[in-house]
Amino acid sequence: MFITKKNRKTVYQKLFIEGVLYTQKNKLLPSHPLFPDTGIKNIEILNIMISLKSREYVTEDFCWQHSYWTLTDSGIEYLRGYLNIPVNILPATKSIKLIR
């Protein structure tokens, strides 16, 4: 499936900021609930996340017809390089772990 660079970058930015994304199992959703105005389809996000999972940049937890995708440390480094993000900025999930 062809996914535009703009859509991929938007998904990567949201994933890096939050540290976690979710997708419904339904591949026919017209747009994903986290990206209503951008027109990014749920199947596009599913395919992006499956690609990241195969490279071990995210882990998947499946519960009640929803997949929850969490960034790994190697995924953080990959997204930092892809999005040109400085080292001192962390995803929301990592900064919570550091505070405790």
PDB file of N, CA and C in Angstrom:
ATOM      1  N   MET A   1       0.843  -1.180   0.000  1.00  0.00           N
ATOM      2  CA  MET A   1       0.000   0.000   0.000  1.00  0.00           C
ATOM      3  C   MET A   1       0.885   1.240   0.000  1.00  0.00           C
ATOM      4  N   PHE A   2       0.539   2.184  -0.847  1.00  0.00           N
ATOM      5  CA  PHE A   2       1.284   3.437  -0.919  1.00  0.00           C
ATOM      6  C   PHE A   2       0.742   4.412   0.116  1.00  0.00           C
ATOM      7  N   ILE A   3       1.637   4.913   0.971  1.00  0.00           N
ATOM      8  CA  ILE A   3       1.273   5.903   1.989  1.00  0.00           C
ATOM      9  C   ILE A   3       2.128   7.133   1.727  1.00  0.00           C
ATOM     10  N   THR A   4       1.492   8.283   1.609  1.00  0.00           N
ATOM     11  CA  THR A   4       2.239   9.497   1.292  1.00  0.00           C
ATOM     12  C   THR A   4       3.211   9.848   2.415  1.00  0.00           C
ATOM     13  N   LYS A   5       4.272  10.542   2.040  1.00  0.00           N
ATOM     14  CA  LYS A   5       5.286  10.945   3.023  1.00  0.00           C
ATOM     15  C   LYS A   5       4.674  11.882   4.069  1.00  0.00           C
ATOM     16  N   LYS A   6       3.740  12.718   3.643  1.00  0.00           N
ATOM     17  CA  LYS A   6       3.071  13.648   4.558  1.00  0.00           C
ATOM     18  C   LYS A   6       2.293  12.878   5.631  1.00  0.00           C
ATOM     19  N   ASN A   7       1.528  11.862   5.224  1.00  0.00           N
ATOM     20  CA  ASN A   7       0.763  11.072   6.186  1.00  0.00           C
ATOM     21  C   ASN A   7       1.686  10.285   7.115  1.00  0.00           C
ATOM     22  N   ARG A   8       2.742   9.699   6.551  1.00  0.00           N
ATOM     23  CA  ARG A   8       3.703   8.934   7.361  1.00  0.00           C
ATOM     24  C   ARG A   8       4.352   9.838   8.401  1.00  0.00           C
ATOM     25  N   LYS A   9       4.746  11.042   7.990  1.00  0.00           N
ATOM     26  CA  LYS A   9       5.385  11.972   8.917  1.00  0.00           C
ATOM     27  C   LYS A   9       4.416  12.406  10.016  1.00  0.00           C
ATOM     28  N   THR A  10       3.155  12.629   9.666  1.00  0.00           N
ATOM     29  CA  THR A  10       2.142  13.009  10.660  1.00  0.00           C
ATOM     30  C   THR A  10       1.959  11.906  11.700  1.00  0.00           C
ATOM     31  N   VAL A  11       1.892  10.655  11.250  1.00  0.00           N
ATOM     32  CA  VAL A  11       1.736   9.522  12.164  1.00  0.00           C
ATOM     33  C   VAL A  11       2.974   9.368  13.033  1.00  0.00           C
ATOM     34  N   TYR A  12       4.157   9.492  12.435  1.00  0.00           N
ATOM     35  CA  TYR A  12       5.403   9.383  13.202  1.00  0.00           C
ATOM     36  C   TYR A  12       5.497  10.475  14.269  1.00  0.00           C
ATOM     37  N   GLN A  13       5.088  11.698  13.931  1.00  0.00           N
ATOM     38  CA  GLN A  13       5.130  12.786  14.905  1.00  0.00           C
ATOM     39  C   GLN A  13       4.202  12.507  16.082  1.00  0.00           C
ATOM     40  N   LYS A  14       2.995  12.060  15.791  1.00  0.00           N
ATOM     41  CA  LYS A  14       2.040  11.747  16.860  1.00  0.00           C
ATOM     42  C   LYS A  14       2.552  10.600  17.725  1.00  0.00           C
ATOM     43  N   LEU A  15       3.126   9.579  17.082  1.00  0.00           N
ATOM     44  CA  LEU A  15       3.678   8.445  17.819  1.00  0.00           C
ATOM     45  C   LEU A  15       4.823   8.887  18.711  1.00  0.00           C
ATOM     46  N   PHE A  16       5.694   9.755  18.219  1.00  0.00           N
ATOM     47  CA  PHE A  16       6.820  10.198  19.038  1.00  0.00           C
ATOM     48  C   PHE A  16       6.348  11.063  20.203  1.00  0.00           C
ATOM     49  N   ILE A  17       5.413  11.956  19.969  1.00  0.00           N
ATOM     50  CA  ILE A  17       4.928  12.837  21.038  1.00  0.00           C
ATOM     51  C   ILE A  17       4.249  12.030  22.143  1.00  0.00           C
ATOM     52  N   GLU A  18       3.358  11.130  21.769  1.00  0.00           N
ATOM     53  CA  GLU A  18       2.589  10.360  22.745  1.00  0.00           C
ATOM     54  C   GLU A  18       3.359   9.148  23.272  1.00  0.00           C
ATOM     55  N   GLY A  19       4.134   8.509  22.414  1.00  0.00           N
ATOM     56  CA  GLY A  19       4.824   7.280  22.794  1.00  0.00           C
ATOM     57  C   GLY A  19       3.977   6.044  22.576  1.00  0.00           C
ATOM     58  N   VAL A  20       2.667   6.247  22.354  1.00  0.00           N
ATOM     59  CA  VAL A  20       1.718   5.141  22.169  1.00  0.00           C
ATOM     60  C   VAL A  20       0.673   5.568  21.142  1.00  0.00           C
ATOM     61  N   LEU A  21       0.258   4.637  20.294  1.00  0.00           N
ATOM     62  CA  LEU A  21      -0.879   4.836  19.399  1.00  0.00           C
ATOM     63  C   LEU A  21      -1.787   3.628  19.511  1.00  0.00           C
ATOM     64  N   TYR A  22      -3.034   3.809  19.136  1.00  0.00           N
ATOM     65  CA  TYR A  22      -3.950   2.671  19.091  1.00  0.00           C
ATOM     66  C   TYR A  22      -4.622   2.639  17.732  1.00  0.00           C
ATOM     67  N   THR A  23      -5.016   1.448  17.323  1.00  0.00           N
ATOM     68  CA  THR A  23      -5.789   1.288  16.097  1.00  0.00           C
ATOM     69  C   THR A  23      -6.879   0.266  16.351  1.00  0.00           C
ATOM     70  N   GLN A  24      -8.021   0.474  15.732  1.00  0.00           N
ATOM     71  CA  GLN A  24      -9.075  -0.526  15.784  1.00  0.00           C
ATOM     72  C   GLN A  24      -8.776  -1.599  14.760  1.00  0.00           C
ATOM     73  N   LYS A  25      -9.298  -2.776  14.975  1.00  0.00           N
ATOM     74  CA  LYS A  25      -9.075  -3.867  14.044  1.00  0.00           C
ATOM     75  C   LYS A  25      -9.783  -3.622  12.707  1.00  0.00           C
ATOM     76  N   ASN A  26     -10.761  -2.761  12.682  1.00  0.00           N
ATOM     77  CA  ASN A  26     -11.558  -2.472  11.495  1.00  0.00           C
ATOM     78  C   ASN A  26     -10.722  -1.748  10.441  1.00  0.00           C
ATOM     79  N   LYS A  27     -10.460  -2.422   9.316  1.00  0.00           N
ATOM     80  CA  LYS A  27      -9.653  -1.826   8.247  1.00  0.00           C
ATOM     81  C   LYS A  27     -10.468  -0.922   7.332  1.00  0.00           C
ATOM     82  N   LEU A  28     -11.759  -0.893   7.500  1.00  0.00           N
ATOM     83  CA  LEU A  28     -12.618  -0.118   6.614  1.00  0.00           C
ATOM     84  C   LEU A  28     -13.021   1.245   7.169  1.00  0.00           C
ATOM     85  N   LEU A  29     -12.469   1.646   8.314  1.00  0.00           N
ATOM     86  CA  LEU A  29     -12.788   2.968   8.851  1.00  0.00           C
ATOM     87  C   LEU A  29     -12.335   4.043   7.866  1.00  0.00           C
ATOM     88  N   PRO A  30     -13.182   5.025   7.591  1.00  0.00           N
ATOM     89  CA  PRO A  30     -12.790   6.062   6.633  1.00  0.00           C
ATOM     90  C   PRO A  30     -11.633   6.929   7.124  1.00  0.00           C
ATOM     91  N   SER A  31     -11.568   7.197   8.416  1.00  0.00           N
ATOM     92  CA  SER A  31     -10.435   7.941   8.978  1.00  0.00           C
ATOM     93  C   SER A  31     -10.205   7.462  10.403  1.00  0.00           C
ATOM     94  N   HIS A  32      -8.981   7.656  10.869  1.00  0.00           N
ATOM     95  CA  HIS A  32      -8.632   7.244  12.225  1.00  0.00           C
ATOM     96  C   HIS A  32      -9.113   8.310  13.201  1.00  0.00           C
ATOM     97  N   PRO A  33      -9.630   7.918  14.385  1.00  0.00           N
ATOM     98  CA  PRO A  33     -10.152   8.902  15.350  1.00  0.00           C
ATOM     99  C   PRO A  33      -9.121   9.919  15.843  1.00  0.00           C
ATOM    100  N   LEU A  34      -7.838   9.565  15.872  1.00  0.00           N
ATOM    101  CA  LEU A  34      -6.816  10.522  16.303  1.00  0.00           C
ATOM    102  C   LEU A  34      -6.456  11.537  15.218  1.00  0.00           C
ATOM    103  N   PHE A  35      -6.813  11.243  13.974  1.00  0.00           N
ATOM    104  CA  PHE A  35      -6.472  12.105  12.845  1.00  0.00           C
ATOM    105  C   PHE A  35      -7.717  12.424  12.014  1.00  0.00           C
ATOM    106  N   PRO A  36      -8.735  13.054  12.605  1.00  0.00           N
ATOM    107  CA  PRO A  36      -9.985  13.263  11.872  1.00  0.00           C
ATOM    108  C   PRO A  36      -9.872  14.278  10.739  1.00  0.00           C
ATOM    109  N   ASP A  37      -9.090  15.326  10.901  1.00  0.00           N
ATOM    110  CA  ASP A  37      -9.020  16.390   9.906  1.00  0.00           C
ATOM    111  C   ASP A  37      -8.023  16.101   8.790  1.00  0.00           C
ATOM    112  N   THR A  38      -7.102  15.177   9.015  1.00  0.00           N
ATOM    113  CA  THR A  38      -6.061  14.923   8.026  1.00  0.00           C
ATOM    114  C   THR A  38      -6.491  13.923   6.966  1.00  0.00           C
ATOM    115  N   GLY A  39      -7.503  13.137   7.235  1.00  0.00           N
ATOM    116  CA  GLY A  39      -7.965  12.151   6.265  1.00  0.00           C
ATOM    117  C   GLY A  39      -7.125  10.893   6.219  1.00  0.00           C
ATOM    118  N   ILE A  40      -6.317  10.670   7.243  1.00  0.00           N
ATOM    119  CA  ILE A  40      -5.500   9.456   7.293  1.00  0.00           C
ATOM    120  C   ILE A  40      -6.413   8.291   7.660  1.00  0.00           C
ATOM    121  N   LYS A  41      -6.384   7.261   6.826  1.00  0.00           N
ATOM    122  CA  LYS A  41      -7.254   6.108   7.037  1.00  0.00           C
ATOM    123  C   LYS A  41      -6.669   5.175   8.085  1.00  0.00           C
ATOM    124  N   ASN A  42      -7.548   4.430   8.736  1.00  0.00           N
ATOM    125  CA  ASN A  42      -7.130   3.480   9.761  1.00  0.00           C
ATOM    126  C   ASN A  42      -6.201   2.414   9.176  1.00  0.00           C
ATOM    127  N   ILE A  43      -6.468   1.980   7.958  1.00  0.00           N
ATOM    128  CA  ILE A  43      -5.633   0.945   7.345  1.00  0.00           C
ATOM    129  C   ILE A  43      -4.217   1.457   7.080  1.00  0.00           C
ATOM    130  N   GLU A  44      -4.068   2.756   6.802  1.00  0.00           N
ATOM    131  CA  GLU A  44      -2.732   3.323   6.619  1.00  0.00           C
ATOM    132  C   GLU A  44      -1.938   3.250   7.919  1.00  0.00           C
ATOM    133  N   ILE A  45      -2.586   3.597   9.012  1.00  0.00           N
ATOM    134  CA  ILE A  45      -1.896   3.546  10.307  1.00  0.00           C
ATOM    135  C   ILE A  45      -1.575   2.102  10.671  1.00  0.00           C
ATOM    136  N   LEU A  46      -2.504   1.189  10.414  1.00  0.00           N
ATOM    137  CA  LEU A  46      -2.228  -0.232  10.662  1.00  0.00           C
ATOM    138  C   LEU A  46      -0.990  -0.690   9.897  1.00  0.00           C
ATOM    139  N   ASN A  47      -0.895  -0.334   8.632  1.00  0.00           N
ATOM    140  CA  ASN A  47       0.249  -0.760   7.824  1.00  0.00           C
ATOM    141  C   ASN A  47       1.556  -0.111   8.278  1.00  0.00           C
ATOM    142  N   ILE A  48       1.510   1.149   8.662  1.00  0.00           N
ATOM    143  CA  ILE A  48       2.704   1.816   9.190  1.00  0.00           C
ATOM    144  C   ILE A  48       3.174   1.126  10.468  1.00  0.00           C
ATOM    145  N   MET A  49       2.232   0.834  11.354  1.00  0.00           N
ATOM    146  CA  MET A  49       2.601   0.236  12.634  1.00  0.00           C
ATOM    147  C   MET A  49       3.088  -1.208  12.463  1.00  0.00           C
ATOM    148  N   ILE A  50       2.513  -1.951  11.533  1.00  0.00           N
ATOM    149  CA  ILE A  50       2.985  -3.313  11.265  1.00  0.00           C
ATOM    150  C   ILE A  50       4.411  -3.263  10.723  1.00  0.00           C
ATOM    151  N   SER A  51       4.699  -2.282   9.890  1.00  0.00           N
ATOM    152  CA  SER A  51       6.053  -2.116   9.373  1.00  0.00           C
ATOM    153  C   SER A  51       7.034  -1.796  10.496  1.00  0.00           C
ATOM    154  N   LEU A  52       6.649  -0.893  11.394  1.00  0.00           N
ATOM    155  CA  LEU A  52       7.516  -0.558  12.529  1.00  0.00           C
ATOM    156  C   LEU A  52       7.693  -1.758  13.460  1.00  0.00           C
ATOM    157  N   LYS A  53       6.646  -2.551  13.612  1.00  0.00           N
ATOM    158  CA  LYS A  53       6.728  -3.738  14.474  1.00  0.00           C
ATOM    159  C   LYS A  53       7.695  -4.764  13.893  1.00  0.00           C
ATOM    160  N   SER A  54       7.692  -4.936  12.576  1.00  0.00           N
ATOM    161  CA  SER A  54       8.590  -5.916  11.959  1.00  0.00           C
ATOM    162  C   SER A  54      10.050  -5.520  12.134  1.00  0.00           C
ATOM    163  N   ARG A  55      10.319  -4.227  12.285  1.00  0.00           N
ATOM    164  CA  ARG A  55      11.684  -3.751  12.523  1.00  0.00           C
ATOM    165  C   ARG A  55      11.987  -3.596  14.009  1.00  0.00           C
ATOM    166  N   GLU A  56      11.031  -4.000  14.857  1.00  0.00           N
ATOM    167  CA  GLU A  56      11.139  -3.973  16.321  1.00  0.00           C
ATOM    168  C   GLU A  56      11.287  -2.555  16.870  1.00  0.00           C
ATOM    169  N   TYR A  57      10.608  -1.593  16.236  1.00  0.00           N
ATOM    170  CA  TYR A  57      10.577  -0.229  16.736  1.00  0.00           C
ATOM    171  C   TYR A  57       9.381   0.014  17.642  1.00  0.00           C
ATOM    172  N   VAL A  58       8.375  -0.845  17.573  1.00  0.00           N
ATOM    173  CA  VAL A  58       7.215  -0.761  18.454  1.00  0.00           C
ATOM    174  C   VAL A  58       6.847  -2.172  18.923  1.00  0.00           C
ATOM    175  N   THR A  59       6.121  -2.221  20.023  1.00  0.00           N
ATOM    176  CA  THR A  59       5.543  -3.478  20.480  1.00  0.00           C
ATOM    177  C   THR A  59       4.033  -3.355  20.387  1.00  0.00           C
ATOM    178  N   GLU A  60       3.367  -4.482  20.211  1.00  0.00           N
ATOM    179  CA  GLU A  60       1.916  -4.481  20.038  1.00  0.00           C
ATOM    180  C   GLU A  60       1.253  -5.237  21.181  1.00  0.00           C
ATOM    181  N   ASP A  61       0.212  -4.641  21.732  1.00  0.00           N
ATOM    182  CA  ASP A  61      -0.660  -5.310  22.691  1.00  0.00           C
ATOM    183  C   ASP A  61      -2.070  -5.258  22.105  1.00  0.00           C
ATOM    184  N   PHE A  62      -2.728  -6.410  22.049  1.00  0.00           N
ATOM    185  CA  PHE A  62      -4.054  -6.485  21.436  1.00  0.00           C
ATOM    186  C   PHE A  62      -5.088  -6.804  22.500  1.00  0.00           C
ATOM    187  N   CYS A  63      -6.142  -5.996  22.559  1.00  0.00           N
ATOM    188  CA  CYS A  63      -7.185  -6.204  23.557  1.00  0.00           C
ATOM    189  C   CYS A  63      -8.502  -5.621  23.038  1.00  0.00           C
ATOM    190  N   TRP A  64      -9.531  -6.432  23.024  1.00  0.00           N
ATOM    191  CA  TRP A  64     -10.884  -5.994  22.678  1.00  0.00           C
ATOM    192  C   TRP A  64     -10.922  -5.284  21.326  1.00  0.00           C
ATOM    193  N   GLN A  65     -10.422  -5.931  20.297  1.00  0.00           N
ATOM    194  CA  GLN A  65     -10.458  -5.438  18.927  1.00  0.00           C
ATOM    195  C   GLN A  65      -9.659  -4.148  18.711  1.00  0.00           C
ATOM    196  N   HIS A  66      -8.734  -3.842  19.601  1.00  0.00           N
ATOM    197  CA  HIS A  66      -7.865  -2.680  19.458  1.00  0.00           C
ATOM    198  C   HIS A  66      -6.418  -3.121  19.639  1.00  0.00           C
ATOM    199  N   SER A  67      -5.535  -2.565  18.836  1.00  0.00           N
ATOM    200  CA  SER A  67      -4.103  -2.784  18.996  1.00  0.00           C
ATOM    201  C   SER A  67      -3.504  -1.531  19.615  1.00  0.00           C
ATOM    202  N   TYR A  68      -2.674  -1.717  20.616  1.00  0.00           N
ATOM    203  CA  TYR A  68      -1.985  -0.620  21.270  1.00  0.00           C
ATOM    204  C   TYR A  68      -0.501  -0.765  20.953  1.00  0.00           C
ATOM    205  N   TRP A  69       0.070   0.238  20.312  1.00  0.00           N
ATOM    206  CA  TRP A  69       1.443   0.200  19.835  1.00  0.00           C
ATOM    207  C   TRP A  69       2.295   1.111  20.700  1.00  0.00           C
ATOM    208  N   THR A  70       3.354   0.566  21.304  1.00  0.00           N
ATOM    209  CA  THR A  70       4.231   1.315  22.189  1.00  0.00           C
ATOM    210  C   THR A  70       5.635   1.380  21.602  1.00  0.00           C
ATOM    211  N   LEU A  71       6.232   2.547  21.622  1.00  0.00           N
ATOM    212  CA  LEU A  71       7.591   2.728  21.105  1.00  0.00           C
ATOM    213  C   LEU A  71       8.619   2.001  21.968  1.00  0.00           C
ATOM    214  N   THR A  72       9.593   1.401  21.334  1.00  0.00           N
ATOM    215  CA  THR A  72      10.739   0.832  22.038  1.00  0.00           C
ATOM    216  C   THR A  72      11.877   1.855  22.003  1.00  0.00           C
ATOM    217  N   ASP A  73      12.955   1.573  22.700  1.00  0.00           N
ATOM    218  CA  ASP A  73      14.094   2.489  22.705  1.00  0.00           C
ATOM    219  C   ASP A  73      14.699   2.644  21.314  1.00  0.00           C
ATOM    220  N   SER A  74      14.782   1.539  20.570  1.00  0.00           N
ATOM    221  CA  SER A  74      15.316   1.641  19.210  1.00  0.00           C
ATOM    222  C   SER A  74      14.353   2.410  18.305  1.00  0.00           C
ATOM    223  N   GLY A  75      13.051   2.325  18.572  1.00  0.00           N
ATOM    224  CA  GLY A  75      12.065   3.092  17.818  1.00  0.00           C
ATOM    225  C   GLY A  75      12.191   4.582  18.077  1.00  0.00           C
ATOM    226  N   ILE A  76      12.500   4.941  19.314  1.00  0.00           N
ATOM    227  CA  ILE A  76      12.703   6.353  19.655  1.00  0.00           C
ATOM    228  C   ILE A  76      13.890   6.902  18.876  1.00  0.00           C
ATOM    229  N   GLU A  77      14.974   6.137  18.835  1.00  0.00           N
ATOM    230  CA  GLU A  77      16.155   6.573  18.093  1.00  0.00           C
ATOM    231  C   GLU A  77      15.864   6.693  16.595  1.00  0.00           C
ATOM    232  N   TYR A  78      15.120   5.747  16.040  1.00  0.00           N
ATOM    233  CA  TYR A  78      14.768   5.798  14.619  1.00  0.00           C
ATOM    234  C   TYR A  78      13.938   7.042  14.314  1.00  0.00           C
ATOM    235  N   LEU A  79      12.917   7.312  15.119  1.00  0.00           N
ATOM    236  CA  LEU A  79      12.059   8.472  14.874  1.00  0.00           C
ATOM    237  C   LEU A  79      12.808   9.783  15.086  1.00  0.00           C
ATOM    238  N   ARG A  80      13.745   9.794  16.031  1.00  0.00           N
ATOM    239  CA  ARG A  80      14.569  10.991  16.227  1.00  0.00           C
ATOM    240  C   ARG A  80      15.355  11.312  14.956  1.00  0.00           C
ATOM    241  N   GLY A  81      15.932  10.288  14.354  1.00  0.00           N
ATOM    242  CA  GLY A  81      16.674  10.498  13.121  1.00  0.00           C
ATOM    243  C   GLY A  81      15.773  10.879  11.956  1.00  0.00           C
ATOM    244  N   TYR A  82      14.615  10.249  11.856  1.00  0.00           N
ATOM    245  CA  TYR A  82      13.690  10.512  10.750  1.00  0.00           C
ATOM    246  C   TYR A  82      13.093  11.911  10.833  1.00  0.00           C
ATOM    247  N   LEU A  83      12.746  12.329  12.054  1.00  0.00           N
ATOM    248  CA  LEU A  83      12.065  13.614  12.248  1.00  0.00           C
ATOM    249  C   LEU A  83      13.010  14.747  12.658  1.00  0.00           C
ATOM    250  N   ASN A  84      14.311  14.458  12.792  1.00  0.00           N
ATOM    251  CA  ASN A  84      15.309  15.452  13.223  1.00  0.00           C
ATOM    252  C   ASN A  84      14.944  16.075  14.567  1.00  0.00           C
ATOM    253  N   ILE A  85      14.727  15.236  15.567  1.00  0.00           N
ATOM    254  CA  ILE A  85      14.348  15.686  16.903  1.00  0.00           C
ATOM    255  C   ILE A  85      15.588  15.619  17.800  1.00  0.00           C
ATOM    256  N   PRO A  86      15.843  16.650  18.617  1.00  0.00           N
ATOM    257  CA  PRO A  86      17.017  16.637  19.495  1.00  0.00           C
ATOM    258  C   PRO A  86      16.953  15.525  20.550  1.00  0.00           C
ATOM    259  N   VAL A  87      18.102  15.189  21.090  1.00  0.00           N
ATOM    260  CA  VAL A  87      18.213  14.083  22.052  1.00  0.00           C
ATOM    261  C   VAL A  87      17.501  14.393  23.363  1.00  0.00           C
ATOM    262  N   ASN A  88      17.406  15.654  23.745  1.00  0.00           N
ATOM    263  CA  ASN A  88      16.821  15.990  25.047  1.00  0.00           C
ATOM    264  C   ASN A  88      15.298  15.920  25.072  1.00  0.00           C
ATOM    265  N   ILE A  89      14.650  15.725  23.954  1.00  0.00           N
ATOM    266  CA  ILE A  89      13.186  15.608  23.899  1.00  0.00           C
ATOM    267  C   ILE A  89      12.809  14.133  23.918  1.00  0.00           C
ATOM    268  N   LEU A  90      11.908  13.763  24.831  1.00  0.00           N
ATOM    269  CA  LEU A  90      11.469  12.380  24.979  1.00  0.00           C
ATOM    270  C   LEU A  90       9.968  12.258  24.748  1.00  0.00           C
ATOM    271  N   PRO A  91       9.495  11.073  24.338  1.00  0.00           N
ATOM    272  CA  PRO A  91       8.048  10.847  24.260  1.00  0.00           C
ATOM    273  C   PRO A  91       7.406  10.932  25.643  1.00  0.00           C
ATOM    274  N   ALA A  92       6.114  11.135  25.686  1.00  0.00           N
ATOM    275  CA  ALA A  92       5.399  11.290  26.955  1.00  0.00           C
ATOM    276  C   ALA A  92       5.536  10.055  27.845  1.00  0.00           C
ATOM    277  N   THR A  93       5.548   8.866  27.276  1.00  0.00           N
ATOM    278  CA  THR A  93       5.638   7.656  28.089  1.00  0.00           C
ATOM    279  C   THR A  93       7.003   7.495  28.718  1.00  0.00           C
ATOM    280  N   LYS A  94       8.060   7.904  28.052  1.00  0.00           N
ATOM    281  CA  LYS A  94       9.414   7.786  28.596  1.00  0.00           C
ATOM    282  C   LYS A  94       9.667   8.818  29.673  1.00  0.00           C
ATOM    283  N   SER A  95       9.142  10.011  29.519  1.00  0.00           N
ATOM    284  CA  SER A  95       9.367  11.038  30.526  1.00  0.00           C
ATOM    285  C   SER A  95       8.661  10.693  31.831  1.00  0.00           C
ATOM    286  N   ILE A  96       7.542   9.980  31.754  1.00  0.00           N
ATOM    287  CA  ILE A  96       6.853   9.541  32.971  1.00  0.00           C
ATOM    288  C   ILE A  96       7.687   8.499  33.699  1.00  0.00           C
ATOM    289  N   LYS A  97       8.290   7.588  32.963  1.00  0.00           N
ATOM    290  CA  LYS A  97       9.126   6.571  33.590  1.00  0.00           C
ATOM    291  C   LYS A  97      10.349   7.176  34.249  1.00  0.00           C
ATOM    292  N   LEU A  98      10.919   8.244  33.671  1.00  0.00           N
ATOM    293  CA  LEU A  98      12.106   8.870  34.233  1.00  0.00           C
ATOM    294  C   LEU A  98      11.797   9.620  35.524  1.00  0.00           C
ATOM    295  N   ILE A  99      10.598  10.161  35.662  1.00  0.00           N
ATOM    296  CA  ILE A  99      10.224  10.918  36.850  1.00  0.00           C
ATOM    297  C   ILE A  99      10.083  10.010  38.056  1.00  0.00           C
ATOM    298  N   ARG A 100       9.560   8.832  37.851  1.00  0.00           N
ATOM    299  CA  ARG A 100       9.328   7.930  38.981  1.00  0.00           C
ATOM    300  C   ARG A 100      10.580   7.464  39.562  1.00  0.00           C
TER     301      ARG A 100
END
